Protein backbone atom coordinates (compact mmCIF):
# COMPACT_ATOMS: atom_id res chain seq x y z
CA MET A 1 -33.63 8.26 -78.90
CA GLU A 2 -30.99 9.83 -76.70
CA LEU A 3 -31.46 10.01 -72.92
CA PRO A 4 -31.92 13.25 -71.33
CA THR A 5 -28.72 14.83 -70.15
CA THR A 6 -29.98 14.97 -66.60
CA LEU A 7 -30.13 11.11 -66.32
CA PRO A 8 -26.54 10.47 -66.09
CA VAL A 9 -26.20 13.19 -63.25
CA LEU A 10 -28.95 11.51 -61.51
CA LEU A 11 -27.21 8.24 -61.52
CA LEU A 12 -23.99 9.79 -60.45
CA LEU A 13 -25.59 11.49 -57.51
CA MET A 14 -27.39 8.36 -56.49
CA ALA A 15 -23.91 6.47 -56.54
CA LEU A 16 -22.54 9.24 -54.54
CA SER A 17 -25.16 8.93 -51.91
CA VAL A 18 -24.46 5.35 -51.41
CA VAL A 19 -20.61 6.11 -51.12
CA TRP A 20 -21.31 8.91 -48.44
CA ALA A 21 -24.48 7.77 -46.83
CA CYS A 22 -24.13 8.19 -43.10
CA PRO A 23 -25.81 5.53 -41.14
CA ASP A 24 -28.38 6.56 -38.59
CA GLY A 25 -27.35 7.18 -35.17
CA CYS A 26 -23.78 8.00 -36.51
CA GLN A 27 -21.91 11.23 -37.32
CA CYS A 28 -19.57 11.33 -40.46
CA ARG A 29 -17.00 13.71 -41.07
CA GLY A 30 -14.89 13.10 -44.07
CA SER A 31 -13.64 9.48 -43.89
CA THR A 32 -14.59 9.18 -40.16
CA VAL A 33 -17.69 7.56 -38.78
CA GLN A 34 -18.73 7.99 -35.15
CA CYS A 35 -21.50 5.90 -33.72
CA VAL A 36 -23.05 6.04 -29.99
CA GLY A 37 -25.49 3.74 -28.56
CA LEU A 38 -26.32 1.61 -31.69
CA SER A 39 -28.18 -1.81 -31.09
CA ASN A 40 -27.12 -3.06 -34.38
CA PHE A 41 -24.07 -2.72 -36.58
CA PRO A 42 -24.73 -0.10 -39.23
CA MET A 43 -25.12 -1.59 -42.70
CA PRO A 44 -24.06 -0.43 -45.29
CA LEU A 45 -21.20 1.67 -44.03
CA PRO A 46 -19.82 4.31 -46.46
CA SER A 47 -17.50 2.49 -48.77
CA SER A 48 -14.93 5.40 -48.12
CA ALA A 49 -14.80 5.25 -44.48
CA THR A 50 -11.45 4.74 -43.27
CA LYS A 51 -12.14 5.32 -39.41
CA LEU A 52 -14.86 3.76 -37.39
CA TYR A 53 -15.60 4.50 -33.67
CA PHE A 54 -18.21 2.82 -31.76
CA SER A 55 -19.20 3.65 -28.15
CA LYS A 56 -21.72 2.39 -25.70
CA CYS A 57 -23.38 -0.22 -28.42
CA SER A 58 -25.19 -3.41 -27.80
CA PHE A 59 -24.57 -5.28 -30.86
CA ASN A 60 -23.07 -8.57 -29.90
CA SER A 61 -20.88 -9.61 -32.68
CA LEU A 62 -18.45 -8.60 -35.35
CA GLU A 63 -18.60 -10.24 -38.78
CA PRO A 64 -16.66 -10.21 -42.06
CA GLU A 65 -19.50 -8.30 -43.94
CA HIS A 66 -19.24 -5.52 -41.40
CA MET A 67 -15.73 -4.49 -42.66
CA THR A 68 -14.62 -2.32 -45.63
CA ASN A 69 -11.33 -2.52 -47.31
CA SER A 70 -10.37 1.09 -46.81
CA LEU A 71 -10.50 0.85 -43.12
CA ASP A 72 -7.36 1.92 -41.26
CA LEU A 73 -8.68 2.31 -37.66
CA LEU A 74 -11.44 0.68 -35.81
CA LEU A 75 -12.28 1.38 -32.21
CA ILE A 76 -15.10 -0.24 -30.21
CA LYS A 77 -15.32 0.78 -26.48
CA GLU A 78 -17.81 0.47 -23.57
CA SER A 79 -20.21 -2.00 -25.60
CA LEU A 80 -21.68 -5.41 -25.36
CA LEU A 81 -19.59 -7.11 -27.73
CA ARG A 82 -19.21 -10.71 -27.00
CA GLU A 83 -17.82 -12.18 -30.24
CA VAL A 84 -15.54 -11.54 -33.32
CA ARG A 85 -16.08 -14.02 -35.92
CA PRO A 86 -13.17 -16.01 -37.75
CA GLY A 87 -12.30 -13.98 -40.82
CA THR A 88 -13.62 -10.61 -39.70
CA PHE A 89 -10.43 -8.76 -40.44
CA ASN A 90 -9.39 -10.80 -43.70
CA SER A 91 -10.40 -7.85 -45.98
CA THR A 92 -8.98 -5.04 -44.03
CA PRO A 93 -5.02 -5.33 -44.67
CA HIS A 94 -4.65 -1.72 -44.01
CA ILE A 95 -5.63 -1.34 -40.30
CA GLY A 96 -3.03 0.23 -38.33
CA SER A 97 -4.75 0.74 -35.10
CA LEU A 98 -7.21 -1.82 -33.50
CA THR A 99 -9.14 -1.18 -30.25
CA LEU A 100 -11.58 -3.51 -28.40
CA THR A 101 -11.85 -2.20 -25.02
CA GLY A 102 -14.62 -2.34 -22.28
CA THR A 103 -16.52 -5.40 -23.96
CA GLN A 104 -17.63 -8.61 -22.78
CA LEU A 105 -15.34 -10.65 -24.93
CA GLN A 106 -13.91 -13.85 -23.46
CA ASP A 107 -11.80 -15.19 -26.48
CA LEU A 108 -10.86 -14.38 -29.80
CA PRO A 109 -9.98 -16.74 -32.87
CA GLU A 110 -6.41 -17.68 -32.90
CA ALA A 111 -6.05 -16.51 -36.73
CA LEU A 112 -8.05 -13.39 -36.43
CA LEU A 113 -5.27 -10.86 -36.82
CA LYS A 114 -3.21 -12.79 -39.38
CA ASN A 115 -3.83 -10.34 -42.24
CA LEU A 116 -3.27 -7.09 -40.11
CA GLN A 117 0.54 -6.97 -40.88
CA LYS A 118 0.49 -3.30 -40.77
CA LEU A 119 -1.01 -3.20 -37.37
CA GLU A 120 0.99 -0.75 -35.14
CA ALA A 121 -1.43 -0.51 -32.15
CA LEU A 122 -3.48 -3.13 -30.58
CA THR A 123 -5.54 -2.46 -27.36
CA LEU A 124 -7.44 -5.40 -25.94
CA SER A 125 -8.07 -4.02 -22.37
CA ILE A 126 -10.80 -4.08 -19.87
CA ASN A 127 -12.42 -7.27 -21.35
CA ASN A 128 -12.96 -10.77 -20.03
CA LEU A 129 -10.32 -12.59 -22.09
CA LEU A 130 -9.37 -15.57 -20.28
CA VAL A 131 -6.41 -17.17 -22.27
CA LEU A 132 -3.57 -15.32 -23.88
CA ARG A 133 -2.99 -16.99 -27.18
CA PRO A 134 0.59 -16.28 -28.83
CA GLN A 135 -0.99 -17.01 -32.40
CA TRP A 136 -2.80 -13.65 -32.10
CA PHE A 137 0.56 -11.83 -32.40
CA SER A 138 2.61 -14.40 -34.50
CA LEU A 139 2.60 -12.06 -37.80
CA LEU A 140 2.40 -8.72 -36.12
CA THR A 141 5.88 -7.65 -36.91
CA GLU A 142 5.14 -4.13 -37.16
CA LEU A 143 3.25 -3.69 -33.80
CA ARG A 144 4.62 -0.82 -31.42
CA ARG A 145 2.13 -0.63 -28.85
CA LEU A 146 0.14 -3.54 -27.09
CA ASP A 147 -2.23 -3.06 -24.32
CA LEU A 148 -3.55 -6.29 -22.61
CA SER A 149 -4.43 -4.61 -19.25
CA ARG A 150 -7.46 -5.58 -17.17
CA ASN A 151 -8.32 -8.98 -18.38
CA LEU A 152 -8.32 -12.55 -16.81
CA PHE A 153 -5.04 -13.68 -17.95
CA THR A 154 -3.39 -16.09 -15.44
CA ALA A 155 -0.33 -17.17 -17.42
CA VAL A 156 1.82 -15.84 -20.25
CA PRO A 157 3.17 -18.60 -22.49
CA VAL A 158 7.00 -17.83 -23.05
CA GLU A 159 6.78 -17.35 -26.82
CA THR A 160 3.80 -14.98 -26.75
CA PHE A 161 5.73 -11.70 -27.44
CA HIS A 162 8.88 -13.14 -29.19
CA PRO A 163 7.77 -11.87 -32.85
CA LEU A 164 7.18 -8.38 -31.62
CA LYS A 165 10.64 -6.88 -32.23
CA GLN A 166 9.32 -3.40 -32.87
CA LEU A 167 7.18 -3.35 -29.56
CA SER A 168 7.92 -0.18 -27.49
CA TYR A 169 5.12 -0.25 -25.25
CA LEU A 170 3.53 -3.44 -23.38
CA SER A 171 1.06 -3.65 -20.64
CA LEU A 172 -0.18 -6.70 -18.72
CA SER A 173 -1.41 -4.77 -15.72
CA GLY A 174 -4.39 -5.71 -14.02
CA ASN A 175 -4.58 -9.53 -14.70
CA LYS A 176 -3.91 -12.47 -12.48
CA VAL A 177 -0.55 -13.48 -13.81
CA SER A 178 1.61 -15.26 -10.91
CA GLN A 179 4.85 -15.97 -12.53
CA LEU A 180 6.75 -15.18 -15.69
CA SER A 181 9.57 -17.24 -17.40
CA ARG A 182 12.84 -15.59 -17.65
CA GLU A 183 12.53 -15.88 -21.44
CA THR A 184 9.27 -14.10 -21.61
CA PHE A 185 10.54 -10.76 -22.93
CA LYS A 186 13.63 -12.30 -25.03
CA GLY A 187 14.43 -10.04 -28.02
CA LEU A 188 12.31 -7.18 -27.17
CA SER A 189 15.17 -4.65 -27.35
CA GLN A 190 12.98 -1.79 -28.23
CA ILE A 191 10.60 -1.62 -25.22
CA ILE A 192 10.62 1.46 -23.60
CA THR A 193 7.47 1.14 -21.35
CA LEU A 194 6.61 -2.40 -19.52
CA ARG A 195 3.68 -2.42 -16.94
CA LEU A 196 3.29 -5.50 -14.96
CA ASN A 197 1.62 -3.95 -12.13
CA ARG A 198 -1.67 -5.27 -10.19
CA ASN A 199 -0.89 -8.89 -10.84
CA MET A 200 -0.02 -11.64 -8.47
CA LEU A 201 3.72 -11.80 -9.13
CA GLN A 202 5.79 -13.19 -6.34
CA GLU A 203 9.11 -12.77 -8.03
CA LEU A 204 10.98 -11.76 -11.25
CA GLN A 205 13.75 -14.40 -12.11
CA VAL A 206 17.20 -12.93 -12.58
CA GLY A 207 17.66 -12.27 -16.30
CA THR A 208 13.99 -11.68 -17.15
CA LEU A 209 14.84 -8.10 -17.94
CA ASP A 210 18.44 -8.52 -19.61
CA ASP A 211 17.15 -7.99 -23.23
CA LEU A 212 15.11 -4.86 -22.43
CA VAL A 213 18.36 -2.49 -22.94
CA ASN A 214 15.99 0.41 -23.77
CA LEU A 215 13.73 0.06 -20.89
CA GLY A 216 12.93 3.51 -19.45
CA GLU A 217 9.73 2.77 -17.25
CA LEU A 218 8.95 -0.45 -15.22
CA SER A 219 5.63 -0.88 -13.17
CA LEU A 220 5.68 -3.74 -10.71
CA GLN A 221 3.55 -2.04 -8.01
CA ASP A 222 0.60 -3.91 -6.50
CA ASN A 223 1.91 -7.42 -6.69
CA GLN A 224 3.28 -9.96 -4.20
CA ILE A 225 6.93 -9.65 -4.91
CA THR A 226 8.86 -10.57 -1.71
CA HIS A 227 12.51 -10.17 -2.79
CA LEU A 228 14.51 -8.84 -5.72
CA HIS A 229 17.72 -10.24 -7.13
CA ARG A 230 20.85 -8.02 -6.96
CA ASP A 231 21.43 -8.39 -10.77
CA LEU A 232 17.81 -7.88 -11.88
CA PHE A 233 18.29 -4.28 -13.23
CA SER A 234 22.02 -4.76 -14.21
CA LYS A 235 21.36 -4.78 -18.01
CA THR A 236 18.81 -1.78 -17.88
CA PRO A 237 21.10 1.22 -17.80
CA LYS A 238 18.31 3.50 -19.26
CA LEU A 239 15.68 2.82 -16.76
CA GLN A 240 14.35 5.95 -15.39
CA LYS A 241 11.10 5.25 -13.67
CA LEU A 242 10.74 2.27 -11.15
CA PHE A 243 7.53 1.50 -9.38
CA LEU A 244 7.53 -1.22 -6.60
CA SER A 245 5.29 -0.04 -3.97
CA ASN A 246 2.62 -2.12 -2.27
CA ASN A 247 4.35 -5.41 -2.54
CA LYS A 248 5.96 -7.58 0.25
CA ILE A 249 9.56 -6.81 -0.12
CA THR A 250 11.50 -7.32 3.24
CA SER A 251 14.96 -6.33 1.97
CA LEU A 252 16.96 -4.82 -0.89
CA PRO A 253 20.11 -6.39 -1.62
CA GLU A 254 23.30 -4.15 -1.65
CA GLY A 255 24.31 -2.93 -5.14
CA ILE A 256 20.76 -3.49 -6.80
CA PHE A 257 20.53 0.12 -7.88
CA LEU A 258 24.12 0.40 -8.76
CA ASN A 259 23.70 0.16 -12.74
CA VAL A 260 20.70 2.70 -13.23
CA PRO A 261 22.31 5.89 -13.17
CA ASN A 262 19.52 7.53 -15.11
CA LEU A 263 16.83 6.44 -12.30
CA SER A 264 14.97 9.66 -11.53
CA GLN A 265 11.84 8.12 -9.89
CA ILE A 266 11.35 5.22 -7.51
CA SER A 267 8.36 4.10 -5.41
CA LEU A 268 9.07 1.54 -2.59
CA TYR A 269 6.21 2.67 -0.11
CA GLU A 270 3.85 0.11 1.23
CA ASN A 271 6.18 -2.89 1.51
CA GLN A 272 7.74 -4.67 4.46
CA LEU A 273 11.40 -3.14 4.34
CA GLU A 274 13.05 -3.67 7.71
CA THR A 275 16.38 -2.44 6.96
CA LEU A 276 18.10 -0.17 4.40
CA GLY A 277 22.05 -0.81 3.85
CA PRO A 278 24.42 2.14 2.95
CA ARG A 279 25.32 0.26 -0.32
CA VAL A 280 21.83 -0.35 -1.58
CA PHE A 281 21.56 2.83 -3.66
CA GLY A 282 24.43 3.80 -6.24
CA PRO A 283 24.89 7.00 -7.79
CA THR A 284 21.48 7.96 -9.74
CA ALA A 285 19.49 11.02 -10.89
CA LEU A 286 16.90 10.10 -8.22
CA LYS A 287 14.81 13.28 -7.11
CA GLU A 288 12.15 11.72 -4.91
CA LEU A 289 12.28 8.42 -2.77
CA TRP A 290 9.08 7.36 -1.24
CA LEU A 291 9.50 4.69 1.57
CA TYR A 292 6.48 5.29 3.74
CA ASP A 293 4.49 2.41 5.15
CA ASN A 294 7.43 0.12 5.71
CA LYS A 295 8.75 -1.57 8.85
CA LEU A 296 12.17 0.27 8.99
CA SER A 297 13.52 0.61 12.58
CA ARG A 298 16.68 2.71 12.19
CA VAL A 299 18.07 4.91 9.76
CA GLU A 300 21.95 4.28 9.62
CA ASN A 301 24.94 6.56 8.68
CA ASP A 302 25.19 7.07 5.01
CA THR A 303 22.18 5.15 3.73
CA PHE A 304 21.44 7.74 1.05
CA ARG A 305 24.97 9.12 0.39
CA ASN A 306 25.01 8.38 -3.22
CA LEU A 307 21.62 10.20 -3.94
CA THR A 308 23.20 13.47 -4.34
CA GLN A 309 20.22 15.06 -6.39
CA LEU A 310 17.58 13.91 -4.05
CA ARG A 311 14.86 16.60 -3.31
CA LEU A 312 12.26 14.77 -1.26
CA LEU A 313 12.66 11.84 1.14
CA VAL A 314 9.84 10.32 2.66
CA LEU A 315 10.33 7.94 5.65
CA SER A 316 6.87 8.40 7.40
CA ARG A 317 4.86 5.86 8.95
CA ASN A 318 7.38 3.29 9.56
CA ARG A 319 8.79 2.03 13.08
CA ILE A 320 11.68 4.26 13.27
CA SER A 321 13.08 4.76 16.83
CA TYR A 322 16.54 5.97 15.91
CA VAL A 323 18.21 8.41 13.20
CA SER A 324 22.00 8.37 13.26
CA THR A 325 23.80 11.69 13.21
CA SER A 326 24.91 11.07 9.55
CA ALA A 327 21.94 9.27 8.28
CA PHE A 328 21.42 12.13 5.66
CA ARG A 329 24.96 12.78 4.83
CA GLY A 330 25.63 13.74 1.05
CA LEU A 331 21.98 15.00 0.52
CA GLU A 332 23.00 18.61 -0.06
CA GLN A 333 19.84 19.22 -2.53
CA LEU A 334 17.34 17.77 0.02
CA GLY A 335 14.51 20.05 0.41
CA GLU A 336 11.95 18.05 2.59
CA VAL A 337 12.50 15.13 4.71
CA SER A 338 9.32 13.54 6.16
CA LEU A 339 9.75 11.44 9.39
CA HIS A 340 6.39 11.56 10.89
CA THR A 341 4.43 8.86 12.45
CA ASN A 342 7.33 6.75 13.77
CA LEU A 343 8.73 5.89 17.31
CA ILE A 344 11.42 8.60 17.60
CA THR A 345 12.15 9.80 21.20
CA THR A 346 15.24 11.70 20.67
CA LEU A 347 17.27 13.40 17.96
CA GLN A 348 20.72 13.64 17.37
CA ALA A 349 22.43 17.22 17.48
CA GLY A 350 23.79 16.96 14.02
CA THR A 351 21.23 15.04 12.15
CA PHE A 352 19.99 18.01 9.89
CA GLN A 353 23.15 20.10 9.84
CA VAL A 354 24.31 18.41 6.81
CA LEU A 355 21.39 19.53 4.67
CA PRO A 356 21.88 23.14 3.67
CA ARG A 357 18.94 23.50 1.38
CA LEU A 358 16.29 21.88 3.67
CA VAL A 359 13.05 23.76 3.72
CA ASN A 360 10.50 21.21 5.37
CA ILE A 361 11.01 18.89 8.58
CA SER A 362 8.01 16.69 9.36
CA LEU A 363 8.33 14.98 12.82
CA GLU A 364 4.71 14.83 13.98
CA ASN A 365 3.32 11.85 15.61
CA ASN A 366 6.48 10.72 17.24
CA PHE A 367 7.50 10.46 21.02
CA ILE A 368 9.98 13.28 20.95
CA LYS A 369 10.54 14.53 24.58
CA SER A 370 13.34 16.94 23.95
CA LEU A 371 15.25 18.93 21.22
CA PRO A 372 18.83 18.47 21.23
CA ARG A 373 20.91 21.63 21.19
CA GLY A 374 21.58 23.35 18.12
CA PHE A 375 19.81 20.67 15.96
CA LEU A 376 18.80 23.03 13.36
CA GLN A 377 22.24 24.82 13.09
CA GLY A 378 23.20 25.69 9.60
CA LEU A 379 19.58 25.61 8.21
CA THR A 380 19.23 29.07 6.64
CA HIS A 381 16.26 28.28 4.30
CA LEU A 382 13.86 26.28 6.75
CA GLY A 383 10.30 27.07 6.04
CA GLN A 384 8.41 24.82 8.38
CA ILE A 385 9.23 22.11 11.02
CA ASP A 386 6.16 20.12 12.46
CA LEU A 387 6.42 18.89 15.88
CA ARG A 388 2.75 18.23 16.63
CA ASN A 389 1.55 15.42 18.60
CA ASN A 390 4.80 14.51 20.43
CA SER A 391 5.78 14.15 24.08
CA LEU A 392 7.11 17.74 24.79
CA PRO A 393 6.42 19.03 28.27
CA ASN A 394 8.37 22.17 27.69
CA LEU A 395 11.24 23.59 25.76
CA PRO A 396 14.10 25.28 27.09
CA GLN A 397 15.45 28.66 25.83
CA GLU A 398 18.17 26.97 23.63
CA SER A 399 15.73 24.86 21.79
CA LEU A 400 13.36 27.79 21.20
CA ASP A 401 16.48 29.81 19.84
CA ALA A 402 17.08 27.10 17.27
CA LEU A 403 13.39 27.05 16.27
CA THR A 404 13.41 30.89 15.64
CA ALA A 405 15.35 30.01 12.29
CA SER A 406 12.08 28.45 10.98
CA GLU A 407 9.22 30.55 9.35
CA GLU A 408 6.66 28.18 10.82
CA VAL A 409 6.73 25.92 13.83
CA LEU A 410 3.78 23.54 14.58
CA LEU A 411 3.64 22.81 18.36
CA GLN A 412 0.07 21.93 19.13
CA GLN A 413 -1.01 18.44 20.61
CA ASN A 414 2.01 18.08 22.92
CA PRO A 415 1.62 17.34 26.65
CA TRP A 416 2.57 20.97 27.62
CA ARG A 417 3.11 21.18 31.31
CA CYS A 418 2.39 24.84 32.52
CA ASP A 419 4.70 25.30 35.51
CA LYS A 420 7.56 27.51 35.82
CA ASP A 421 9.42 25.83 33.07
CA ILE A 422 6.81 26.82 30.47
CA LEU A 423 7.96 30.38 30.85
CA PRO A 424 10.46 30.39 27.87
CA LEU A 425 7.98 28.80 25.67
CA ARG A 426 5.32 31.42 26.76
CA ASP A 427 7.84 34.38 26.11
CA TRP A 428 8.92 32.98 22.74
CA LEU A 429 5.31 32.58 21.54
CA LYS A 430 4.72 36.19 22.52
CA LEU A 431 7.77 37.18 20.67
CA HIS A 432 6.94 35.36 17.56
CA PRO A 433 3.35 35.39 17.00
CA SER A 434 3.43 34.64 13.12
CA LYS A 435 5.33 31.46 13.51
CA THR A 436 2.75 29.27 15.09
CA ASN A 437 -0.91 29.37 15.64
CA GLN A 438 -0.94 30.27 19.44
CA SER A 439 -4.58 29.31 19.89
CA LEU A 440 -3.72 25.73 19.46
CA VAL A 441 -0.49 25.70 21.82
CA VAL A 442 -2.33 25.00 25.30
CA CYS A 443 -1.58 23.70 28.53
CA ASP A 444 -2.29 19.92 29.14
CA ALA A 445 -1.37 20.10 32.97
CA PRO A 446 -2.19 20.99 35.64
CA SER A 447 -5.85 20.32 35.37
CA SER A 448 -6.65 23.77 36.58
CA LEU A 449 -4.89 25.15 33.57
CA ASN A 450 -5.95 22.41 30.95
CA GLY A 451 -6.71 24.08 27.67
CA GLU A 452 -5.42 27.59 28.43
CA MET A 453 -3.41 29.24 25.88
CA ILE A 454 0.13 29.18 26.87
CA ALA A 455 0.73 32.50 25.40
CA LEU A 456 -1.79 34.32 27.63
CA LEU A 457 -0.66 32.71 30.87
CA ALA A 458 0.00 35.16 33.55
CA ASP A 459 3.10 34.66 36.06
CA GLU A 460 0.67 34.00 39.02
CA ASN A 461 -0.77 31.08 37.23
CA LEU A 462 2.40 29.27 36.95
CA VAL A 463 3.22 27.02 40.19
CA SER A 464 5.81 24.57 40.72
CA LEU A 465 4.15 21.10 40.27
CA SER A 466 5.57 18.62 42.86
CA SER A 467 5.86 14.95 42.17
CA THR A 468 2.96 14.06 44.38
CA GLN A 469 0.59 16.01 42.21
CA GLU A 470 -1.34 14.67 39.37
CA PRO A 471 0.95 13.10 36.97
CA VAL A 472 1.09 14.51 33.29
CA LEU A 473 0.15 12.00 30.76
CA THR A 474 2.69 11.40 28.07
CA SER A 475 1.64 11.36 24.28
CA THR A 476 2.25 7.48 24.58
CA GLU A 477 -0.43 7.27 27.25
CA LYS A 478 -2.75 9.79 25.56
CA ARG A 479 -3.10 8.68 22.00
CA ARG A 480 -3.34 5.61 19.89
CA ARG A 481 -0.56 5.02 17.53
CA PRO A 482 -0.59 3.01 14.31
CA HIS A 483 2.17 0.57 15.53
CA THR A 484 1.96 1.13 19.26
CA PRO A 485 -1.52 0.86 20.81
CA PRO A 486 -1.42 2.47 24.14
CA ALA A 487 -1.00 0.79 27.42
CA LYS A 488 -4.19 0.35 29.20
CA ARG A 489 -4.40 2.34 32.35
CA SER A 490 -5.71 0.74 35.48
CA PRO A 491 -8.38 2.57 37.23
CA PRO A 492 -7.30 4.39 40.41
CA SER A 493 -7.42 2.42 43.66
CA PRO A 494 -10.34 3.34 46.08
CA ALA A 495 -8.86 5.30 49.12
CA VAL A 496 -7.62 3.14 51.99
CA LYS A 497 -9.13 4.36 55.42
CA THR A 498 -6.61 4.06 58.19
CA THR A 499 -7.59 2.48 61.51
CA PRO A 500 -6.14 3.29 64.92
CA THR A 501 -3.40 0.64 66.34
CA SER A 502 -5.27 -0.57 69.34
CA GLU A 503 -8.50 -1.24 67.28
CA TYR A 504 -6.57 -2.99 64.57
CA GLU A 505 -4.82 -5.24 67.07
CA LYS A 506 -8.20 -6.21 68.56
CA VAL A 507 -9.63 -7.12 65.15
CA THR A 508 -6.76 -9.04 64.19
CA ARG A 509 -6.85 -11.15 67.33
CA SER A 510 -10.58 -11.36 67.05
CA GLY A 511 -10.10 -12.74 63.54
CA GLN A 512 -7.38 -15.33 64.60
CA GLY A 513 -9.84 -16.70 67.38
CA ASN A 514 -12.70 -17.17 64.91
CA THR A 515 -10.43 -18.89 62.41
CA GLY A 516 -9.48 -21.61 65.13
CA SER A 517 -13.05 -22.32 65.97
CA ILE A 518 -14.05 -22.90 62.47
CA SER A 519 -11.12 -25.01 61.76
CA ARG A 520 -12.37 -27.45 64.52
CA ASP A 521 -15.84 -27.63 63.43
CA ILE A 522 -14.59 -28.50 59.79
CA SER A 523 -12.45 -31.27 60.98
CA ILE A 524 -15.21 -33.02 62.98
CA THR A 525 -17.68 -32.87 60.03
CA LEU A 526 -14.91 -34.35 57.68
CA ILE A 527 -14.61 -37.22 60.09
CA VAL A 528 -18.36 -37.95 60.09
CA ILE A 529 -18.35 -37.97 56.43
CA ALA A 530 -15.67 -40.16 56.00
CA VAL A 531 -17.14 -42.88 58.33
CA VAL A 532 -20.69 -42.72 56.56
CA CYS A 533 -18.99 -43.10 53.30
CA THR A 534 -16.93 -46.20 54.49
CA VAL A 535 -20.21 -47.88 55.60
CA ILE A 536 -21.97 -47.32 52.51
CA ILE A 537 -19.13 -48.67 50.30
CA SER A 538 -18.74 -51.76 52.51
CA THR A 539 -22.55 -52.49 52.26
CA VAL A 540 -22.40 -52.39 48.36
CA ILE A 541 -19.30 -54.58 47.92
CA ILE A 542 -20.95 -57.34 50.36
CA SER A 543 -24.03 -57.17 48.44
CA CYS A 544 -22.41 -57.63 45.08
CA ILE A 545 -20.33 -60.68 46.33
CA CYS A 546 -23.46 -62.46 47.54
CA TRP A 547 -25.26 -61.59 44.31
CA ARG A 548 -22.37 -63.13 42.12
CA ARG A 549 -22.24 -66.27 44.30
CA ASN A 550 -26.05 -66.72 43.92
CA LYS A 551 -25.68 -66.40 40.19
CA SER A 552 -22.86 -68.69 39.87
CA GLY A 553 -24.78 -71.50 41.55
CA THR A 554 -27.25 -71.63 38.62
CA GLY A 555 -24.62 -73.37 36.49
CA ASN A 556 -23.08 -72.14 33.29
CA ILE A 557 -26.19 -70.94 31.78
CA GLY A 558 -25.92 -67.21 30.80
CA ARG A 559 -22.11 -67.12 31.39
CA ARG A 560 -20.42 -64.69 28.89
CA SER A 561 -16.84 -64.27 27.63
CA THR A 562 -14.75 -61.50 29.22
CA ASN A 563 -14.70 -59.71 25.70
CA SER A 564 -18.48 -59.63 25.40
CA VAL A 565 -18.81 -57.97 28.72
CA LEU A 566 -16.22 -55.40 27.64
């Protein structure tokens, strides 16, 4: 008897349903399976699945029976995975991308990845991995991208990455690594991006980067590096981005950046740099230089002369008190310079004249008392100059003429002294109402005009303030600065009442007479006390002598050695 023709069709459909069945809680599109919030690993998986994505799942382990031979991608993120059993990937030789991130993994079997010889991308970030095991990577000769960031690694065995000759991206950021051998990156000539930031590195030995001839980006920020060797970057000519911020670097050796002509971005802010020599920077493609939050005190001639393509220079929040006339020589492309929040009291006349493309100058939060004649001469593109919160009491006409070249001038929070010398500023404000917010430019002294808009002052309000009138507090006294806390002002002394001469003499003579009488009384009292004390002491001594004689008359009974008494 022949089987009905529909039976083979039913069997085929049943087989196909097994192949293509999508697990509960998952979405299946073609050969891709995406699962969210599962409490157990879905079994069985479609045998044709090649890409598995798991997110926010609570299964604790991965086991060999969970995998299929057809897999070429596996991603598990933000899940409670705690264990990957040995042999889990033995039957998945085609995996090219493996991601285990945001899990509770603390360790992995040494031979876990030995069969993944086609693996090109491995991400083990944001886990609790404690020990970096070189055996994980010993056979991954095709690996190009390795992310080990945000784990708990404290050391990197010197041979860990040596087999990874094709590696182009390596991240160890966000661990607790305190030192690296100079051989750590030996043979890794294909690396383009190396991220070592947010560790506990104190130095990089000279030679550490010598094999990284294609290195384009190096992240070293947020470590504890105190110094850099002069030849550290001598073998990395393709370096374009270098991040060194938030370390403890106190100085940069001359010539350290001479062999990085392609350097276009560097961050050195939040260090402890005290000086910058004129030969630190070689000719580079650098367009931005961030040096804020250091301890620089001076900017000397030709410090940045080789940075001919620089567009932005940030020197704010240092301790700069002096900027030399030729400090910015060579920066013909510079569009903005930031010097705010320093200790500058005066500016040199030619400081900015060598910057024909300068648009913005930030000088706020300093102690500038006056502006040099013609200090903005030659600046034809100036958009804004910020002079807020300085120590300017007034501005002469020649300074105001220079400021006219700027589209916007910020002048508020200065100790403006509204006497006859404020007239040039008042008239300039009236003449150029669009260049500044006039409602914020107000008198500081005298007190009768405090808070009055300078632009609205009438001539009769302006008087010549003599030196005997109330002092005008400088910005040093009026505001707290990051590096220089204001001196404490002592409270004013109470008014002294004068006394007529004759009465003063009477008081003086009377005071002298009383002093003599008191002195004689004190002398008599001291003599009486001395006599009484002498009598008491003598009586005590005589009594002790008599007592000892009586005691010794009883023989040697009870006599003790000197040592026992002591």
